[in-house]
Amino acid sequence: MTEAKVVDISKKEVVLREAKVEGFIKLKKDTINLIKEGKIEKGDVINTAKVAGFLAAKRTPELIPMCHPIPIEAVDIDIKIEENGLRVITSVKAHYKTGVEMEALTATSIVLLTIWDMVKKYEKDPQGQYPETEISNIKVLSKSKIYDDNTF
């Protein structure tokens, strides 16, 4: 059995790393309308979830033990309201020796969880359960290394 360890990246080259991740949260139509109308009791769902995602990207190595602390240079979070839920697309960039997909995955997951937390009052059924609410399809859409001469 191999012992847990942080991988040695000291010999890797510093290049621009980018990752884009997507996830989805299914919500009731009434809840979606409340979000659109700005009537969620806990406040602005979209902006609060984005702030949570920005913090999550920067704190990824505190949450995932083998992740290196990466000097994040950019985080972009787009939340699209769709007919049956919200789609989250997160992009992360950094010049570093290792990729930023874990930061993008963490940010997307926390955005989705923050949305759930902010709307859970409206998603519960009479028994206090969440029969319709679902987080799904969290996946890496792309990741890349961009060298100074713009080759991948």
N, C-alpha and C. Protein backbone atom coordinates (compact mmCIF):
# COMPACT_ATOMS: atom_id res chain seq x y z
N MET A 1 0.85 -1.19 0.00
CA MET A 1 0.00 0.00 0.00
C MET A 1 0.89 1.24 0.00
N THR A 2 0.58 2.18 -0.86
CA THR A 2 1.36 3.40 -0.97
C THR A 2 0.94 4.40 0.10
N GLU A 3 1.93 5.05 0.66
CA GLU A 3 1.68 6.07 1.67
C GLU A 3 1.16 7.34 1.01
N ALA A 4 0.29 8.05 1.70
CA ALA A 4 -0.21 9.33 1.19
C ALA A 4 0.92 10.34 1.14
N LYS A 5 0.96 11.13 0.04
CA LYS A 5 1.99 12.16 -0.07
C LYS A 5 1.56 13.21 -1.09
N VAL A 6 2.15 14.37 -0.95
CA VAL A 6 1.96 15.42 -1.93
C VAL A 6 2.99 15.17 -3.03
N VAL A 7 2.56 15.15 -4.28
CA VAL A 7 3.43 14.85 -5.41
C VAL A 7 4.47 15.96 -5.59
N ASP A 8 5.69 15.56 -5.89
CA ASP A 8 6.78 16.51 -6.11
C ASP A 8 6.63 17.12 -7.50
N ILE A 9 6.42 18.43 -7.55
CA ILE A 9 6.28 19.14 -8.82
C ILE A 9 7.45 20.10 -9.06
N SER A 10 8.50 19.96 -8.27
CA SER A 10 9.60 20.92 -8.32
C SER A 10 10.28 20.99 -9.69
N LYS A 11 10.26 19.93 -10.45
CA LYS A 11 10.92 19.94 -11.76
C LYS A 11 9.99 20.34 -12.92
N LYS A 12 8.72 20.54 -12.61
CA LYS A 12 7.77 20.93 -13.65
C LYS A 12 7.92 22.41 -13.98
N GLU A 13 7.55 22.75 -15.21
CA GLU A 13 7.65 24.11 -15.72
C GLU A 13 6.43 24.95 -15.31
N VAL A 14 6.66 26.21 -15.00
CA VAL A 14 5.56 27.14 -14.73
C VAL A 14 4.98 27.59 -16.06
N VAL A 15 3.72 27.32 -16.28
CA VAL A 15 3.00 27.76 -17.48
C VAL A 15 1.59 28.19 -17.07
N LEU A 16 0.91 28.87 -17.96
CA LEU A 16 -0.47 29.25 -17.69
C LEU A 16 -1.35 28.01 -17.74
N ARG A 17 -2.06 27.76 -16.68
CA ARG A 17 -2.96 26.62 -16.59
C ARG A 17 -4.39 27.15 -16.52
N GLU A 18 -5.27 26.50 -17.23
CA GLU A 18 -6.68 26.88 -17.21
C GLU A 18 -7.54 25.63 -17.07
N ALA A 19 -8.65 25.78 -16.39
CA ALA A 19 -9.62 24.68 -16.29
C ALA A 19 -11.02 25.28 -16.28
N LYS A 20 -11.94 24.55 -16.91
CA LYS A 20 -13.34 24.96 -16.93
C LYS A 20 -14.18 23.77 -16.47
N VAL A 21 -15.06 24.02 -15.51
CA VAL A 21 -15.88 22.97 -14.91
C VAL A 21 -17.34 23.41 -14.92
N GLU A 22 -18.22 22.43 -15.08
CA GLU A 22 -19.66 22.69 -15.12
C GLU A 22 -20.36 21.81 -14.09
N GLY A 23 -21.47 22.30 -13.58
CA GLY A 23 -22.34 21.52 -12.71
C GLY A 23 -23.75 22.07 -12.79
N PHE A 24 -24.72 21.31 -12.28
CA PHE A 24 -26.12 21.69 -12.41
C PHE A 24 -26.86 21.38 -11.12
N ILE A 25 -27.79 22.26 -10.75
CA ILE A 25 -28.69 21.98 -9.64
C ILE A 25 -30.13 22.09 -10.15
N LYS A 26 -30.86 21.00 -10.00
CA LYS A 26 -32.27 20.95 -10.40
C LYS A 26 -33.10 21.53 -9.26
N LEU A 27 -34.00 22.45 -9.62
CA LEU A 27 -34.86 23.11 -8.63
C LEU A 27 -36.29 23.15 -9.12
N LYS A 28 -37.21 23.36 -8.19
CA LYS A 28 -38.62 23.54 -8.54
C LYS A 28 -38.78 24.84 -9.35
N LYS A 29 -39.75 24.86 -10.22
CA LYS A 29 -40.03 26.06 -11.04
C LYS A 29 -40.35 27.26 -10.15
N ASP A 30 -41.10 27.02 -9.06
CA ASP A 30 -41.44 28.12 -8.14
C ASP A 30 -40.18 28.72 -7.50
N THR A 31 -39.24 27.86 -7.16
CA THR A 31 -37.99 28.34 -6.57
C THR A 31 -37.20 29.16 -7.59
N ILE A 32 -37.15 28.69 -8.82
CA ILE A 32 -36.45 29.42 -9.88
C ILE A 32 -37.07 30.81 -10.06
N ASN A 33 -38.40 30.88 -10.02
CA ASN A 33 -39.07 32.17 -10.16
C ASN A 33 -38.73 33.10 -8.99
N LEU A 34 -38.65 32.56 -7.78
CA LEU A 34 -38.27 33.37 -6.62
C LEU A 34 -36.84 33.92 -6.77
N ILE A 35 -35.95 33.10 -7.31
CA ILE A 35 -34.58 33.55 -7.55
C ILE A 35 -34.59 34.69 -8.56
N LYS A 36 -35.31 34.52 -9.66
CA LYS A 36 -35.40 35.54 -10.71
C LYS A 36 -35.96 36.86 -10.17
N GLU A 37 -36.96 36.74 -9.28
CA GLU A 37 -37.63 37.92 -8.73
C GLU A 37 -36.88 38.53 -7.54
N GLY A 38 -35.79 37.88 -7.10
CA GLY A 38 -35.05 38.39 -5.95
C GLY A 38 -35.80 38.27 -4.65
N LYS A 39 -36.60 37.21 -4.51
CA LYS A 39 -37.45 37.05 -3.33
C LYS A 39 -37.02 35.91 -2.41
N ILE A 40 -35.78 35.49 -2.49
CA ILE A 40 -35.29 34.44 -1.60
C ILE A 40 -34.94 35.10 -0.26
N GLU A 41 -35.48 34.55 0.81
CA GLU A 41 -35.31 35.14 2.14
C GLU A 41 -33.85 35.38 2.53
N LYS A 42 -32.96 34.46 2.16
CA LYS A 42 -31.55 34.58 2.55
C LYS A 42 -30.78 35.61 1.71
N GLY A 43 -31.40 36.12 0.65
CA GLY A 43 -30.75 37.16 -0.13
C GLY A 43 -30.48 36.77 -1.57
N ASP A 44 -29.54 37.48 -2.18
CA ASP A 44 -29.19 37.31 -3.59
C ASP A 44 -28.46 35.99 -3.80
N VAL A 45 -29.16 35.02 -4.34
CA VAL A 45 -28.62 33.66 -4.51
C VAL A 45 -27.42 33.66 -5.45
N ILE A 46 -27.54 34.31 -6.58
CA ILE A 46 -26.49 34.26 -7.60
C ILE A 46 -25.18 34.87 -7.08
N ASN A 47 -25.25 36.09 -6.56
CA ASN A 47 -24.02 36.74 -6.10
C ASN A 47 -23.43 36.08 -4.86
N THR A 48 -24.27 35.63 -3.94
CA THR A 48 -23.76 34.94 -2.76
C THR A 48 -23.05 33.65 -3.15
N ALA A 49 -23.65 32.90 -4.06
CA ALA A 49 -23.05 31.64 -4.51
C ALA A 49 -21.72 31.89 -5.22
N LYS A 50 -21.65 32.96 -6.02
CA LYS A 50 -20.39 33.28 -6.68
C LYS A 50 -19.29 33.60 -5.68
N VAL A 51 -19.59 34.41 -4.67
CA VAL A 51 -18.59 34.74 -3.65
C VAL A 51 -18.11 33.47 -2.95
N ALA A 52 -19.04 32.58 -2.63
CA ALA A 52 -18.66 31.31 -2.00
C ALA A 52 -17.73 30.52 -2.92
N GLY A 53 -18.01 30.53 -4.21
CA GLY A 53 -17.16 29.83 -5.18
C GLY A 53 -15.77 30.43 -5.27
N PHE A 54 -15.67 31.75 -5.26
CA PHE A 54 -14.35 32.40 -5.29
C PHE A 54 -13.52 31.98 -4.08
N LEU A 55 -14.14 32.00 -2.92
CA LEU A 55 -13.44 31.59 -1.69
C LEU A 55 -13.03 30.12 -1.77
N ALA A 56 -13.91 29.29 -2.27
CA ALA A 56 -13.63 27.85 -2.37
C ALA A 56 -12.44 27.58 -3.28
N ALA A 57 -12.37 28.26 -4.42
CA ALA A 57 -11.24 28.06 -5.33
C ALA A 57 -9.93 28.37 -4.62
N LYS A 58 -9.90 29.46 -3.88
CA LYS A 58 -8.66 29.87 -3.20
C LYS A 58 -8.32 28.97 -2.01
N ARG A 59 -9.30 28.29 -1.47
CA ARG A 59 -9.07 27.44 -0.28
C ARG A 59 -9.00 25.95 -0.59
N THR A 60 -8.95 25.59 -1.84
CA THR A 60 -8.94 24.18 -2.23
C THR A 60 -7.88 23.37 -1.49
N PRO A 61 -6.62 23.83 -1.38
CA PRO A 61 -5.64 23.00 -0.69
C PRO A 61 -5.91 22.82 0.81
N GLU A 62 -6.76 23.66 1.38
CA GLU A 62 -7.16 23.48 2.78
C GLU A 62 -8.20 22.37 2.91
N LEU A 63 -8.91 22.09 1.82
CA LEU A 63 -9.99 21.11 1.84
C LEU A 63 -9.59 19.76 1.28
N ILE A 64 -8.71 19.77 0.30
CA ILE A 64 -8.28 18.53 -0.37
C ILE A 64 -6.80 18.34 -0.05
N PRO A 65 -6.47 17.36 0.77
CA PRO A 65 -5.14 17.26 1.37
C PRO A 65 -3.94 17.22 0.43
N MET A 66 -4.06 16.62 -0.74
CA MET A 66 -2.88 16.47 -1.60
C MET A 66 -2.76 17.58 -2.65
N CYS A 67 -3.64 18.56 -2.60
CA CYS A 67 -3.56 19.68 -3.56
C CYS A 67 -2.49 20.68 -3.13
N HIS A 68 -1.75 21.15 -4.11
CA HIS A 68 -0.74 22.18 -3.86
C HIS A 68 -1.43 23.55 -3.73
N PRO A 69 -0.90 24.41 -2.88
CA PRO A 69 -1.40 25.79 -2.87
C PRO A 69 -0.98 26.46 -4.19
N ILE A 70 -1.93 26.97 -4.91
CA ILE A 70 -1.68 27.54 -6.23
C ILE A 70 -2.02 29.03 -6.19
N PRO A 71 -1.16 29.85 -6.77
CA PRO A 71 -1.46 31.29 -6.81
C PRO A 71 -2.51 31.60 -7.88
N ILE A 72 -3.76 31.48 -7.49
CA ILE A 72 -4.87 31.68 -8.42
C ILE A 72 -4.81 33.12 -8.96
N GLU A 73 -4.91 33.24 -10.27
CA GLU A 73 -4.87 34.56 -10.90
C GLU A 73 -6.24 35.02 -11.38
N ALA A 74 -7.13 34.08 -11.68
CA ALA A 74 -8.47 34.46 -12.14
C ALA A 74 -9.45 33.34 -11.85
N VAL A 75 -10.63 33.74 -11.41
CA VAL A 75 -11.75 32.82 -11.25
C VAL A 75 -12.96 33.52 -11.83
N ASP A 76 -13.62 32.84 -12.76
CA ASP A 76 -14.84 33.37 -13.35
C ASP A 76 -15.94 32.35 -13.13
N ILE A 77 -17.04 32.80 -12.57
CA ILE A 77 -18.17 31.90 -12.30
C ILE A 77 -19.40 32.47 -13.00
N ASP A 78 -19.97 31.66 -13.86
CA ASP A 78 -21.17 32.03 -14.59
C ASP A 78 -22.31 31.13 -14.11
N ILE A 79 -23.40 31.72 -13.69
CA ILE A 79 -24.57 30.96 -13.25
C ILE A 79 -25.71 31.31 -14.18
N LYS A 80 -26.19 30.30 -14.89
CA LYS A 80 -27.26 30.49 -15.86
C LYS A 80 -28.55 29.88 -15.32
N ILE A 81 -29.59 30.68 -15.33
CA ILE A 81 -30.90 30.17 -14.92
C ILE A 81 -31.53 29.48 -16.12
N GLU A 82 -31.87 28.21 -15.93
CA GLU A 82 -32.50 27.43 -16.98
C GLU A 82 -33.91 27.05 -16.55
N GLU A 83 -34.63 26.39 -17.40
CA GLU A 83 -36.03 26.05 -17.13
C GLU A 83 -36.21 25.22 -15.86
N ASN A 84 -35.30 24.27 -15.63
CA ASN A 84 -35.48 23.38 -14.48
C ASN A 84 -34.34 23.44 -13.46
N GLY A 85 -33.55 24.53 -13.49
CA GLY A 85 -32.49 24.65 -12.49
C GLY A 85 -31.46 25.70 -12.87
N LEU A 86 -30.31 25.62 -12.21
CA LEU A 86 -29.23 26.56 -12.47
C LEU A 86 -27.99 25.80 -12.90
N ARG A 87 -27.37 26.28 -13.97
CA ARG A 87 -26.13 25.71 -14.48
C ARG A 87 -24.98 26.62 -14.05
N VAL A 88 -23.95 26.01 -13.51
CA VAL A 88 -22.77 26.73 -13.04
C VAL A 88 -21.59 26.36 -13.92
N ILE A 89 -20.89 27.36 -14.43
CA ILE A 89 -19.66 27.13 -15.20
C ILE A 89 -18.57 27.98 -14.57
N THR A 90 -17.52 27.31 -14.12
CA THR A 90 -16.41 27.97 -13.44
C THR A 90 -15.14 27.81 -14.25
N SER A 91 -14.42 28.91 -14.42
CA SER A 91 -13.11 28.90 -15.07
C SER A 91 -12.07 29.41 -14.08
N VAL A 92 -10.94 28.73 -14.03
CA VAL A 92 -9.84 29.13 -13.14
C VAL A 92 -8.56 29.20 -13.96
N LYS A 93 -7.73 30.21 -13.66
CA LYS A 93 -6.44 30.38 -14.34
C LYS A 93 -5.35 30.66 -13.32
N ALA A 94 -4.15 30.15 -13.63
CA ALA A 94 -2.97 30.44 -12.81
C ALA A 94 -1.72 30.05 -13.59
N HIS A 95 -0.68 30.81 -13.41
CA HIS A 95 0.64 30.40 -13.89
C HIS A 95 1.24 29.55 -12.78
N TYR A 96 1.41 28.27 -13.05
CA TYR A 96 1.95 27.40 -12.01
C TYR A 96 2.44 26.09 -12.63
N LYS A 97 2.90 25.21 -11.77
CA LYS A 97 3.50 23.94 -12.20
C LYS A 97 2.50 22.79 -12.25
N THR A 98 1.30 23.02 -11.78
CA THR A 98 0.29 21.98 -11.78
C THR A 98 -1.07 22.59 -12.11
N GLY A 99 -1.98 21.76 -12.57
CA GLY A 99 -3.26 22.24 -13.07
C GLY A 99 -4.19 22.81 -12.02
N VAL A 100 -5.25 23.45 -12.50
CA VAL A 100 -6.20 24.12 -11.62
C VAL A 100 -7.61 23.50 -11.69
N GLU A 101 -7.69 22.26 -12.19
CA GLU A 101 -9.01 21.64 -12.28
C GLU A 101 -9.62 21.36 -10.92
N MET A 102 -8.79 21.05 -9.91
CA MET A 102 -9.35 20.80 -8.58
C MET A 102 -9.95 22.08 -8.00
N GLU A 103 -9.32 23.21 -8.27
CA GLU A 103 -9.85 24.50 -7.81
C GLU A 103 -11.18 24.80 -8.49
N ALA A 104 -11.26 24.51 -9.78
CA ALA A 104 -12.51 24.74 -10.52
C ALA A 104 -13.61 23.77 -10.07
N LEU A 105 -13.24 22.53 -9.82
CA LEU A 105 -14.21 21.54 -9.31
C LEU A 105 -14.71 21.93 -7.92
N THR A 106 -13.80 22.34 -7.07
CA THR A 106 -14.18 22.73 -5.70
C THR A 106 -15.09 23.95 -5.74
N ALA A 107 -14.71 24.94 -6.53
CA ALA A 107 -15.53 26.15 -6.63
C ALA A 107 -16.93 25.82 -7.13
N THR A 108 -17.02 25.03 -8.18
CA THR A 108 -18.33 24.67 -8.74
C THR A 108 -19.17 23.93 -7.71
N SER A 109 -18.57 23.00 -7.00
CA SER A 109 -19.30 22.23 -5.98
C SER A 109 -19.83 23.14 -4.88
N ILE A 110 -19.02 24.06 -4.43
CA ILE A 110 -19.44 24.97 -3.35
C ILE A 110 -20.50 25.95 -3.84
N VAL A 111 -20.41 26.40 -5.08
CA VAL A 111 -21.46 27.25 -5.64
C VAL A 111 -22.79 26.50 -5.60
N LEU A 112 -22.78 25.27 -6.06
CA LEU A 112 -24.01 24.47 -6.08
C LEU A 112 -24.55 24.22 -4.67
N LEU A 113 -23.67 23.92 -3.74
CA LEU A 113 -24.10 23.70 -2.35
C LEU A 113 -24.64 24.99 -1.72
N THR A 114 -24.04 26.11 -2.06
CA THR A 114 -24.52 27.40 -1.54
C THR A 114 -25.91 27.71 -2.08
N ILE A 115 -26.12 27.44 -3.36
CA ILE A 115 -27.45 27.63 -3.93
C ILE A 115 -28.46 26.77 -3.17
N TRP A 116 -28.11 25.49 -2.97
CA TRP A 116 -29.01 24.59 -2.24
C TRP A 116 -29.33 25.16 -0.86
N ASP A 117 -28.30 25.59 -0.15
CA ASP A 117 -28.51 26.12 1.20
C ASP A 117 -29.44 27.33 1.18
N MET A 118 -29.28 28.18 0.21
CA MET A 118 -30.08 29.42 0.18
C MET A 118 -31.53 29.18 -0.20
N VAL A 119 -31.82 28.11 -0.93
CA VAL A 119 -33.18 27.86 -1.40
C VAL A 119 -33.85 26.66 -0.74
N LYS A 120 -33.18 26.02 0.19
CA LYS A 120 -33.72 24.76 0.73
C LYS A 120 -35.11 24.93 1.35
N LYS A 121 -35.39 26.08 1.92
CA LYS A 121 -36.71 26.35 2.51
C LYS A 121 -37.82 26.14 1.48
N TYR A 122 -37.54 26.51 0.23
CA TYR A 122 -38.54 26.47 -0.83
C TYR A 122 -38.58 25.12 -1.55
N GLU A 123 -37.56 24.32 -1.34
CA GLU A 123 -37.44 23.03 -2.03
C GLU A 123 -38.01 21.86 -1.22
N LYS A 124 -38.20 22.06 0.08
CA LYS A 124 -38.68 20.98 0.94
C LYS A 124 -40.14 20.64 0.65
N ASP A 125 -40.44 19.33 0.79
CA ASP A 125 -41.83 18.91 0.72
C ASP A 125 -42.43 18.97 2.13
N PRO A 126 -43.71 18.64 2.32
CA PRO A 126 -44.32 18.73 3.66
C PRO A 126 -43.63 17.87 4.73
N GLN A 127 -42.89 16.84 4.31
CA GLN A 127 -42.17 15.99 5.27
C GLN A 127 -40.74 16.50 5.52
N GLY A 128 -40.38 17.62 4.91
CA GLY A 128 -39.04 18.18 5.10
C GLY A 128 -37.98 17.53 4.23
N GLN A 129 -38.40 16.83 3.19
CA GLN A 129 -37.47 16.16 2.28
C GLN A 129 -37.29 16.97 1.00
N TYR A 130 -36.34 16.56 0.18
CA TYR A 130 -36.04 17.26 -1.08
C TYR A 130 -36.23 16.30 -2.27
N PRO A 131 -37.47 15.97 -2.60
CA PRO A 131 -37.69 14.97 -3.66
C PRO A 131 -37.31 15.43 -5.06
N GLU A 132 -37.26 16.73 -5.31
CA GLU A 132 -36.95 17.23 -6.65
C GLU A 132 -35.55 17.82 -6.77
N THR A 133 -34.99 18.26 -5.68
CA THR A 133 -33.70 18.96 -5.71
C THR A 133 -32.57 17.97 -5.94
N GLU A 134 -31.67 18.33 -6.86
CA GLU A 134 -30.58 17.41 -7.18
C GLU A 134 -29.40 18.17 -7.78
N ILE A 135 -28.22 17.87 -7.27
CA ILE A 135 -26.98 18.37 -7.86
C ILE A 135 -26.44 17.27 -8.76
N SER A 136 -26.08 17.63 -10.00
CA SER A 136 -25.63 16.59 -10.93
C SER A 136 -24.65 17.15 -11.95
N ASN A 137 -24.08 16.22 -12.67
CA ASN A 137 -23.25 16.52 -13.84
C ASN A 137 -22.09 17.47 -13.57
N ILE A 138 -21.44 17.32 -12.43
CA ILE A 138 -20.22 18.11 -12.19
C ILE A 138 -19.11 17.43 -13.00
N LYS A 139 -18.55 18.20 -13.93
CA LYS A 139 -17.53 17.60 -14.79
C LYS A 139 -16.56 18.67 -15.30
N VAL A 140 -15.35 18.21 -15.61
CA VAL A 140 -14.35 19.08 -16.20
C VAL A 140 -14.66 19.19 -17.70
N LEU A 141 -14.94 20.39 -18.14
CA LEU A 141 -15.21 20.62 -19.55
C LEU A 141 -13.91 20.73 -20.34
N SER A 142 -12.90 21.35 -19.72
CA SER A 142 -11.60 21.48 -20.39
C SER A 142 -10.54 21.84 -19.37
N LYS A 143 -9.31 21.49 -19.72
CA LYS A 143 -8.13 21.94 -18.98
C LYS A 143 -7.00 22.09 -19.98
N SER A 144 -6.15 23.06 -19.73
CA SER A 144 -5.09 23.30 -20.69
C SER A 144 -3.85 23.91 -20.04
N LYS A 145 -2.75 23.76 -20.76
CA LYS A 145 -1.47 24.41 -20.44
C LYS A 145 -1.16 25.30 -21.63
N ILE A 146 -0.89 26.55 -21.36
CA ILE A 146 -0.56 27.48 -22.44
C ILE A 146 0.85 27.99 -22.22
N TYR A 147 1.72 27.65 -23.15
CA TYR A 147 3.12 28.07 -23.05
C TYR A 147 3.27 29.47 -23.61
N ASP A 148 4.39 30.10 -23.37
CA ASP A 148 4.62 31.48 -23.81
C ASP A 148 4.37 31.68 -25.29
N ASP A 149 4.64 30.68 -26.10
CA ASP A 149 4.43 30.83 -27.54
C ASP A 149 3.01 30.47 -27.96
N ASN A 150 2.10 30.35 -26.95
CA ASN A 150 0.67 30.08 -27.15
C ASN A 150 0.37 28.68 -27.71
N THR A 151 1.29 27.75 -27.57
CA THR A 151 0.99 26.37 -27.96
C THR A 151 0.49 25.62 -26.75
N PHE A 152 -0.35 24.63 -27.01
CA PHE A 152 -0.91 23.81 -25.92
C PHE A 152 -0.17 22.52 -25.81
